[in-house]
């Protein structure tokens, strides 16, 4: 082997030895978003007894619960509303109700924001923003029905 070839091969090997740990450290293993990718729920029709322990977070305006991949919330005006927990952006199950901007649905995976009627408030990448599925709610005494 000629000296020039030897130095080239050593240079590539040394560069690999130095860069390999960095490349491994920068892998996506620890950078994956929280949550699970799921399909939007269909055939939604369930009830929540507002006097039950599962509904305790719905007592206060701005509170919410998660049930059957649906976010059920008491908005800042005291109305009970419901939307898909599955984000229309990439399908992560991380949509929640937050009190910012008058009360919105928010997915913390990529920052998607939605009005209470499901209208997108922002675009998080180059794809067009899609509407978040919102469900009907009716209240009879202390039983809330959430349905399509």
N, C-alpha and C. Protein backbone atom coordinates (compact mmCIF):
# COMPACT_ATOMS: atom_id res chain seq x y z
N UNK A 1 0.86 -1.16 0.00
CA UNK A 1 0.00 0.00 0.00
C UNK A 1 0.91 1.23 0.00
N UNK A 2 0.58 2.16 -0.83
CA UNK A 2 1.34 3.40 -0.88
C UNK A 2 1.00 4.28 0.30
N UNK A 3 1.95 5.15 0.63
CA UNK A 3 1.77 6.05 1.77
C UNK A 3 0.51 6.90 1.62
N UNK A 4 0.25 7.41 0.46
CA UNK A 4 -0.92 8.27 0.19
C UNK A 4 -2.22 7.50 0.45
N UNK A 5 -2.30 6.28 -0.02
CA UNK A 5 -3.48 5.44 0.19
C UNK A 5 -3.66 5.13 1.67
N UNK A 6 -2.53 4.84 2.36
CA UNK A 6 -2.58 4.55 3.78
C UNK A 6 -3.15 5.74 4.56
N UNK A 7 -2.66 6.94 4.27
CA UNK A 7 -3.14 8.14 4.98
C UNK A 7 -4.61 8.41 4.68
N UNK A 8 -5.03 8.19 3.45
CA UNK A 8 -6.44 8.37 3.09
C UNK A 8 -7.31 7.40 3.88
N UNK A 9 -6.89 6.13 3.92
CA UNK A 9 -7.70 5.14 4.63
C UNK A 9 -7.72 5.43 6.13
N UNK A 10 -6.62 5.89 6.67
CA UNK A 10 -6.58 6.27 8.09
C UNK A 10 -7.46 7.48 8.36
N UNK A 11 -7.44 8.41 7.42
CA UNK A 11 -8.27 9.62 7.58
C UNK A 11 -9.74 9.28 7.60
N UNK A 12 -10.16 8.41 6.71
CA UNK A 12 -11.58 8.01 6.69
C UNK A 12 -11.93 7.24 7.95
N UNK A 13 -11.02 6.34 8.37
CA UNK A 13 -11.26 5.56 9.58
C UNK A 13 -11.31 6.45 10.82
N UNK A 14 -10.41 7.41 10.90
CA UNK A 14 -10.40 8.33 12.05
C UNK A 14 -11.65 9.19 12.06
N UNK A 15 -12.04 9.67 10.89
CA UNK A 15 -13.26 10.48 10.82
C UNK A 15 -14.48 9.66 11.26
N UNK A 16 -14.55 8.40 10.81
CA UNK A 16 -15.65 7.54 11.21
C UNK A 16 -15.65 7.32 12.72
N UNK A 17 -14.45 7.06 13.27
CA UNK A 17 -14.34 6.83 14.72
C UNK A 17 -14.78 8.04 15.52
N UNK A 18 -14.48 9.23 15.03
CA UNK A 18 -14.87 10.46 15.73
C UNK A 18 -16.35 10.79 15.55
N UNK A 19 -16.88 10.54 14.37
CA UNK A 19 -18.27 10.93 14.08
C UNK A 19 -19.30 9.91 14.52
N UNK A 20 -18.93 8.63 14.59
CA UNK A 20 -19.90 7.59 14.93
C UNK A 20 -20.61 7.85 16.25
N UNK A 21 -19.89 8.17 17.36
CA UNK A 21 -20.60 8.44 18.61
C UNK A 21 -21.56 9.63 18.50
N UNK A 22 -21.17 10.65 17.75
CA UNK A 22 -22.04 11.82 17.59
C UNK A 22 -23.30 11.45 16.82
N UNK A 23 -23.11 10.69 15.73
CA UNK A 23 -24.27 10.27 14.93
C UNK A 23 -25.21 9.43 15.77
N UNK A 24 -24.67 8.53 16.58
CA UNK A 24 -25.51 7.72 17.46
C UNK A 24 -26.23 8.59 18.49
N UNK A 25 -25.53 9.58 19.03
CA UNK A 25 -26.13 10.47 20.03
C UNK A 25 -27.22 11.33 19.44
N UNK A 26 -27.16 11.56 18.14
CA UNK A 26 -28.15 12.42 17.49
C UNK A 26 -29.28 11.61 16.86
N UNK A 27 -29.32 10.32 17.10
CA UNK A 27 -30.38 9.51 16.51
C UNK A 27 -31.72 9.87 17.12
N UNK A 28 -32.79 9.41 16.50
CA UNK A 28 -34.13 9.78 16.91
C UNK A 28 -34.66 8.96 18.07
N UNK A 29 -33.88 8.00 18.58
CA UNK A 29 -34.38 7.11 19.64
C UNK A 29 -35.01 7.89 20.79
N UNK A 30 -34.35 8.90 21.30
CA UNK A 30 -34.88 9.65 22.43
C UNK A 30 -35.70 10.85 22.02
N UNK A 31 -35.80 11.11 20.72
CA UNK A 31 -36.48 12.31 20.25
C UNK A 31 -37.88 12.04 19.72
N UNK A 32 -38.37 10.83 19.85
CA UNK A 32 -39.71 10.52 19.35
C UNK A 32 -40.75 11.24 20.19
N UNK A 33 -41.80 11.76 19.55
CA UNK A 33 -42.85 12.46 20.30
C UNK A 33 -43.57 11.52 21.27
N UNK A 34 -44.09 12.11 22.33
CA UNK A 34 -44.95 11.34 23.23
C UNK A 34 -46.24 11.04 22.50
N UNK A 35 -46.87 9.97 22.88
CA UNK A 35 -48.16 9.65 22.30
C UNK A 35 -48.07 8.51 21.31
N UNK A 36 -49.24 8.15 20.81
CA UNK A 36 -49.39 7.05 19.88
C UNK A 36 -50.14 7.55 18.67
N UNK A 37 -49.75 7.07 17.50
CA UNK A 37 -50.49 7.42 16.28
C UNK A 37 -51.68 6.48 16.20
N UNK A 38 -52.86 7.06 16.04
CA UNK A 38 -54.11 6.30 15.99
C UNK A 38 -55.01 6.85 14.90
N UNK A 39 -56.03 6.08 14.58
CA UNK A 39 -57.08 6.57 13.68
C UNK A 39 -58.08 7.37 14.49
N UNK A 40 -58.68 8.35 13.83
CA UNK A 40 -59.73 9.15 14.47
C UNK A 40 -60.88 8.23 14.87
N UNK A 41 -61.42 8.41 16.08
CA UNK A 41 -62.52 7.52 16.50
C UNK A 41 -63.77 7.71 15.63
N UNK A 42 -64.43 6.60 15.37
CA UNK A 42 -65.68 6.63 14.60
C UNK A 42 -66.79 5.99 15.44
N UNK A 43 -68.01 6.31 15.11
CA UNK A 43 -69.14 5.74 15.83
C UNK A 43 -69.19 6.19 17.28
N UNK A 44 -68.68 7.37 17.55
CA UNK A 44 -68.61 7.87 18.93
C UNK A 44 -70.02 8.07 19.47
N UNK A 45 -70.30 7.46 20.61
CA UNK A 45 -71.58 7.63 21.30
C UNK A 45 -71.41 7.05 22.71
N UNK A 46 -71.16 7.92 23.67
CA UNK A 46 -70.99 7.48 25.05
C UNK A 46 -71.52 8.56 25.99
N UNK A 47 -71.64 8.19 27.25
CA UNK A 47 -72.13 9.13 28.25
C UNK A 47 -71.11 9.28 29.38
N UNK A 48 -71.20 10.41 30.06
CA UNK A 48 -70.37 10.69 31.23
C UNK A 48 -71.31 11.25 32.30
N UNK A 49 -71.33 10.60 33.45
CA UNK A 49 -72.10 11.11 34.58
C UNK A 49 -71.24 12.19 35.24
N UNK A 50 -71.72 13.42 35.22
CA UNK A 50 -70.94 14.53 35.74
C UNK A 50 -70.75 14.47 37.25
N UNK A 51 -71.49 13.61 37.93
CA UNK A 51 -71.30 13.42 39.37
C UNK A 51 -70.31 12.30 39.68
N UNK A 52 -69.81 11.63 38.65
CA UNK A 52 -68.89 10.50 38.87
C UNK A 52 -67.46 11.01 39.04
N UNK A 53 -66.62 10.19 39.67
CA UNK A 53 -65.21 10.56 39.84
C UNK A 53 -64.48 10.82 38.52
N UNK A 54 -64.86 10.09 37.44
CA UNK A 54 -64.18 10.30 36.15
C UNK A 54 -64.41 11.70 35.60
N UNK A 55 -65.48 12.36 36.02
CA UNK A 55 -65.82 13.69 35.50
C UNK A 55 -65.37 14.83 36.42
N UNK A 56 -64.60 14.52 37.44
CA UNK A 56 -64.20 15.53 38.43
C UNK A 56 -63.52 16.74 37.79
N UNK A 57 -62.74 16.53 36.75
CA UNK A 57 -62.04 17.65 36.11
C UNK A 57 -62.95 18.53 35.25
N UNK A 58 -64.20 18.12 35.08
CA UNK A 58 -65.15 18.92 34.30
C UNK A 58 -65.93 19.92 35.17
N UNK A 59 -65.67 19.92 36.46
CA UNK A 59 -66.38 20.84 37.35
C UNK A 59 -65.98 22.28 37.06
N UNK A 60 -64.69 22.51 36.87
CA UNK A 60 -64.17 23.87 36.64
C UNK A 60 -64.16 24.21 35.16
N UNK A 61 -64.44 25.47 34.83
CA UNK A 61 -64.27 25.94 33.45
C UNK A 61 -62.81 25.78 33.05
N UNK A 62 -62.58 25.25 31.86
CA UNK A 62 -61.22 25.00 31.38
C UNK A 62 -60.75 23.59 31.65
N UNK A 63 -61.49 22.82 32.45
CA UNK A 63 -61.11 21.45 32.74
C UNK A 63 -61.49 20.51 31.61
N UNK A 64 -60.84 19.37 31.56
CA UNK A 64 -61.17 18.38 30.52
C UNK A 64 -60.86 16.97 31.03
N UNK A 65 -61.46 15.99 30.35
CA UNK A 65 -61.16 14.58 30.57
C UNK A 65 -60.93 13.93 29.22
N UNK A 66 -60.32 12.76 29.23
CA UNK A 66 -60.11 11.97 28.02
C UNK A 66 -60.90 10.68 28.16
N UNK A 67 -61.70 10.38 27.15
CA UNK A 67 -62.47 9.14 27.18
C UNK A 67 -62.70 8.68 25.75
N UNK A 68 -62.42 7.41 25.48
CA UNK A 68 -62.66 6.80 24.17
C UNK A 68 -62.00 7.60 23.03
N UNK A 69 -60.79 8.10 23.27
CA UNK A 69 -60.05 8.92 22.29
C UNK A 69 -60.75 10.24 21.96
N UNK A 70 -61.51 10.74 22.92
CA UNK A 70 -62.21 12.01 22.79
C UNK A 70 -61.81 12.90 23.96
N UNK A 71 -61.62 14.19 23.68
CA UNK A 71 -61.38 15.18 24.72
C UNK A 71 -62.73 15.81 25.03
N UNK A 72 -63.18 15.65 26.25
CA UNK A 72 -64.43 16.28 26.70
C UNK A 72 -64.00 17.42 27.62
N UNK A 73 -64.48 18.63 27.33
CA UNK A 73 -64.02 19.80 28.08
C UNK A 73 -65.19 20.68 28.49
N UNK A 74 -64.98 21.41 29.58
CA UNK A 74 -65.88 22.51 29.94
C UNK A 74 -65.12 23.76 29.53
N UNK A 75 -65.63 24.44 28.48
CA UNK A 75 -64.89 25.59 27.98
C UNK A 75 -64.93 26.74 28.99
N UNK A 76 -64.32 27.84 28.65
CA UNK A 76 -64.19 28.95 29.59
C UNK A 76 -65.52 29.65 29.87
N UNK A 77 -66.51 29.40 29.02
CA UNK A 77 -67.86 29.93 29.23
C UNK A 77 -68.75 28.96 30.00
N UNK A 78 -68.22 27.77 30.32
CA UNK A 78 -68.98 26.78 31.08
C UNK A 78 -69.73 25.77 30.24
N UNK A 79 -69.60 25.85 28.91
CA UNK A 79 -70.28 24.90 28.03
C UNK A 79 -69.46 23.62 27.91
N UNK A 80 -70.14 22.49 27.78
CA UNK A 80 -69.48 21.20 27.60
C UNK A 80 -69.30 20.93 26.11
N UNK A 81 -68.08 20.68 25.71
CA UNK A 81 -67.74 20.46 24.31
C UNK A 81 -66.89 19.20 24.20
N UNK A 82 -66.77 18.66 22.98
CA UNK A 82 -65.97 17.45 22.79
C UNK A 82 -65.36 17.44 21.39
N UNK A 83 -64.11 16.94 21.32
CA UNK A 83 -63.41 16.83 20.04
C UNK A 83 -62.53 15.59 20.07
N UNK A 84 -62.08 15.20 18.90
CA UNK A 84 -61.19 14.05 18.79
C UNK A 84 -59.89 14.31 19.55
N UNK A 85 -59.42 13.33 20.26
CA UNK A 85 -58.13 13.38 20.94
C UNK A 85 -57.01 13.12 19.92
N UNK A 86 -57.39 12.65 18.73
CA UNK A 86 -56.44 12.30 17.68
C UNK A 86 -56.25 13.52 16.77
N UNK A 87 -55.04 14.04 16.74
CA UNK A 87 -54.75 15.25 15.98
C UNK A 87 -54.90 15.01 14.48
N UNK A 88 -55.49 15.96 13.79
CA UNK A 88 -55.68 15.85 12.34
C UNK A 88 -54.37 16.08 11.58
N UNK A 89 -53.34 16.55 12.25
CA UNK A 89 -52.05 16.81 11.58
C UNK A 89 -51.33 15.51 11.24
N UNK A 90 -50.99 14.70 12.26
CA UNK A 90 -50.30 13.44 11.98
C UNK A 90 -50.88 12.26 12.76
N UNK A 91 -52.00 12.46 13.43
CA UNK A 91 -52.69 11.34 14.07
C UNK A 91 -52.21 10.97 15.45
N UNK A 92 -51.43 11.83 16.11
CA UNK A 92 -51.03 11.54 17.49
C UNK A 92 -52.20 11.78 18.43
N UNK A 93 -52.29 10.96 19.49
CA UNK A 93 -53.40 11.04 20.45
C UNK A 93 -53.10 12.04 21.57
N UNK A 94 -52.63 13.21 21.23
CA UNK A 94 -52.19 14.17 22.23
C UNK A 94 -52.96 15.49 22.23
N UNK A 95 -54.15 15.53 21.66
CA UNK A 95 -54.95 16.75 21.69
C UNK A 95 -55.56 16.91 23.08
N UNK A 96 -55.45 18.11 23.60
CA UNK A 96 -55.99 18.47 24.91
C UNK A 96 -56.70 19.82 24.80
N UNK A 97 -57.46 20.19 25.82
CA UNK A 97 -58.08 21.51 25.86
C UNK A 97 -57.21 22.40 26.74
N UNK A 98 -56.88 23.58 26.24
CA UNK A 98 -56.08 24.53 27.02
C UNK A 98 -56.80 25.86 27.07
N UNK A 99 -56.55 26.62 28.13
CA UNK A 99 -57.26 27.88 28.36
C UNK A 99 -56.69 29.07 27.60
N UNK A 100 -55.65 28.88 26.83
CA UNK A 100 -55.08 30.01 26.09
C UNK A 100 -55.99 30.44 24.94
N UNK A 101 -55.87 31.68 24.54
CA UNK A 101 -56.63 32.23 23.40
C UNK A 101 -58.14 32.01 23.52
N UNK A 102 -58.68 32.11 24.72
CA UNK A 102 -60.11 31.95 24.91
C UNK A 102 -60.56 30.50 25.03
N UNK A 103 -59.62 29.56 25.00
CA UNK A 103 -59.94 28.14 25.09
C UNK A 103 -59.84 27.49 23.72
N UNK A 104 -58.83 26.65 23.54
CA UNK A 104 -58.62 25.98 22.25
C UNK A 104 -58.25 24.52 22.49
N UNK A 105 -58.35 23.73 21.44
CA UNK A 105 -57.80 22.38 21.44
C UNK A 105 -56.37 22.49 20.92
N UNK A 106 -55.45 21.78 21.61
CA UNK A 106 -54.03 21.92 21.31
C UNK A 106 -53.35 20.56 21.33
N UNK A 107 -52.53 20.30 20.33
CA UNK A 107 -51.72 19.08 20.29
C UNK A 107 -50.28 19.46 20.55
N UNK A 108 -49.71 18.93 21.61
CA UNK A 108 -48.35 19.33 21.97
C UNK A 108 -47.26 18.57 21.22
N UNK A 109 -47.60 17.66 20.32
CA UNK A 109 -46.58 16.96 19.56
C UNK A 109 -45.90 17.93 18.58
N UNK A 110 -46.69 18.63 17.78
CA UNK A 110 -46.14 19.57 16.81
C UNK A 110 -46.73 20.98 16.96
N UNK A 111 -47.57 21.19 17.97
CA UNK A 111 -48.10 22.53 18.22
C UNK A 111 -49.35 22.89 17.44
N UNK A 112 -50.07 21.91 16.91
CA UNK A 112 -51.32 22.21 16.20
C UNK A 112 -52.34 22.81 17.16
N UNK A 113 -53.05 23.85 16.68
CA UNK A 113 -54.05 24.53 17.49
C UNK A 113 -55.37 24.59 16.71
N UNK A 114 -56.47 24.42 17.45
CA UNK A 114 -57.79 24.37 16.81
C UNK A 114 -58.80 25.17 17.63
N UNK A 115 -59.68 25.89 16.92
CA UNK A 115 -60.81 26.55 17.56
C UNK A 115 -61.70 25.48 18.18
N UNK A 116 -62.65 25.90 18.98
CA UNK A 116 -63.57 24.95 19.61
C UNK A 116 -64.48 24.26 18.60
N UNK A 117 -64.63 24.83 17.41
CA UNK A 117 -65.42 24.17 16.37
C UNK A 117 -64.55 23.29 15.46
N UNK A 118 -63.26 23.15 15.80
CA UNK A 118 -62.35 22.29 15.05
C UNK A 118 -61.54 22.99 13.96
N UNK A 119 -61.84 24.26 13.71
CA UNK A 119 -61.12 25.01 12.68
C UNK A 119 -59.64 25.16 13.07
N UNK A 120 -58.72 24.83 12.16
CA UNK A 120 -57.30 24.98 12.48
C UNK A 120 -56.93 26.45 12.66
N UNK A 121 -56.09 26.72 13.65
CA UNK A 121 -55.62 28.08 13.90
C UNK A 121 -54.22 28.31 13.36
N UNK A 122 -53.50 27.24 13.07
CA UNK A 122 -52.14 27.39 12.56
C UNK A 122 -51.80 26.23 11.64
N UNK A 123 -50.68 26.39 10.96
CA UNK A 123 -50.15 25.34 10.10
C UNK A 123 -48.75 25.04 10.61
N UNK A 124 -48.46 23.78 10.89
CA UNK A 124 -47.18 23.45 11.52
C UNK A 124 -46.13 22.93 10.54
N UNK A 125 -46.49 22.70 9.31
CA UNK A 125 -45.52 22.32 8.29
C UNK A 125 -46.08 22.75 6.95
N UNK A 126 -45.57 22.23 5.88
CA UNK A 126 -46.00 22.67 4.55
C UNK A 126 -47.30 22.04 4.08
N UNK A 127 -47.86 21.09 4.83
CA UNK A 127 -49.12 20.49 4.42
C UNK A 127 -50.29 21.36 4.89
N UNK A 128 -51.38 21.38 4.15
CA UNK A 128 -52.52 22.19 4.56
C UNK A 128 -53.08 21.72 5.91
N UNK A 129 -53.45 22.67 6.75
CA UNK A 129 -54.04 22.34 8.05
C UNK A 129 -55.41 21.71 7.83
N UNK A 130 -55.72 20.69 8.64
CA UNK A 130 -57.00 19.98 8.51
C UNK A 130 -57.85 20.22 9.75
N UNK A 131 -59.15 20.17 9.57
CA UNK A 131 -60.12 20.38 10.64
C UNK A 131 -60.04 19.24 11.65
N UNK A 132 -60.16 19.57 12.92
CA UNK A 132 -60.23 18.58 13.99
C UNK A 132 -61.69 18.17 14.14
N UNK A 133 -61.93 16.87 14.25
CA UNK A 133 -63.30 16.36 14.41
C UNK A 133 -63.88 16.80 15.74
N UNK A 134 -65.07 17.41 15.69
CA UNK A 134 -65.79 17.85 16.89
C UNK A 134 -67.09 17.04 16.98
N UNK A 135 -67.47 16.66 18.20
CA UNK A 135 -68.64 15.82 18.42
C UNK A 135 -69.76 16.62 19.06
N UNK A 136 -70.98 16.12 18.90
CA UNK A 136 -72.16 16.72 19.53
C UNK A 136 -72.18 16.36 21.01
N UNK A 137 -72.75 17.24 21.80
CA UNK A 137 -72.96 16.97 23.23
C UNK A 137 -74.36 17.39 23.62
N UNK A 138 -74.99 16.60 24.47
CA UNK A 138 -76.27 16.98 25.08
C UNK A 138 -76.21 16.62 26.56
N UNK A 139 -76.80 17.48 27.36
CA UNK A 139 -76.80 17.27 28.81
C UNK A 139 -78.23 17.04 29.27
N UNK A 140 -78.45 15.90 29.93
CA UNK A 140 -79.74 15.58 30.53
C UNK A 140 -79.49 15.35 32.01
N UNK A 141 -80.01 16.26 32.84
CA UNK A 141 -79.72 16.26 34.26
C UNK A 141 -78.21 16.32 34.47
N UNK A 142 -77.60 15.26 34.96
CA UNK A 142 -76.16 15.27 35.17
C UNK A 142 -75.43 14.30 34.23
N UNK A 143 -76.11 13.84 33.20
CA UNK A 143 -75.51 12.89 32.26
C UNK A 143 -75.24 13.60 30.94
N UNK A 144 -73.97 13.62 30.58
CA UNK A 144 -73.54 14.21 29.31
C UNK A 144 -73.42 13.12 28.27
N UNK A 145 -74.07 13.31 27.14
CA UNK A 145 -73.93 12.37 26.02
C UNK A 145 -73.03 13.02 24.98
N UNK A 146 -72.02 12.27 24.51
CA UNK A 146 -71.11 12.69 23.45
C UNK A 146 -71.34 11.75 22.28
N UNK A 147 -71.65 12.33 21.11
CA UNK A 147 -72.01 11.48 19.96
C UNK A 147 -71.74 12.19 18.65
N UNK A 148 -71.76 11.36 17.57
CA UNK A 148 -71.59 11.91 16.23
C UNK A 148 -72.93 12.30 15.66
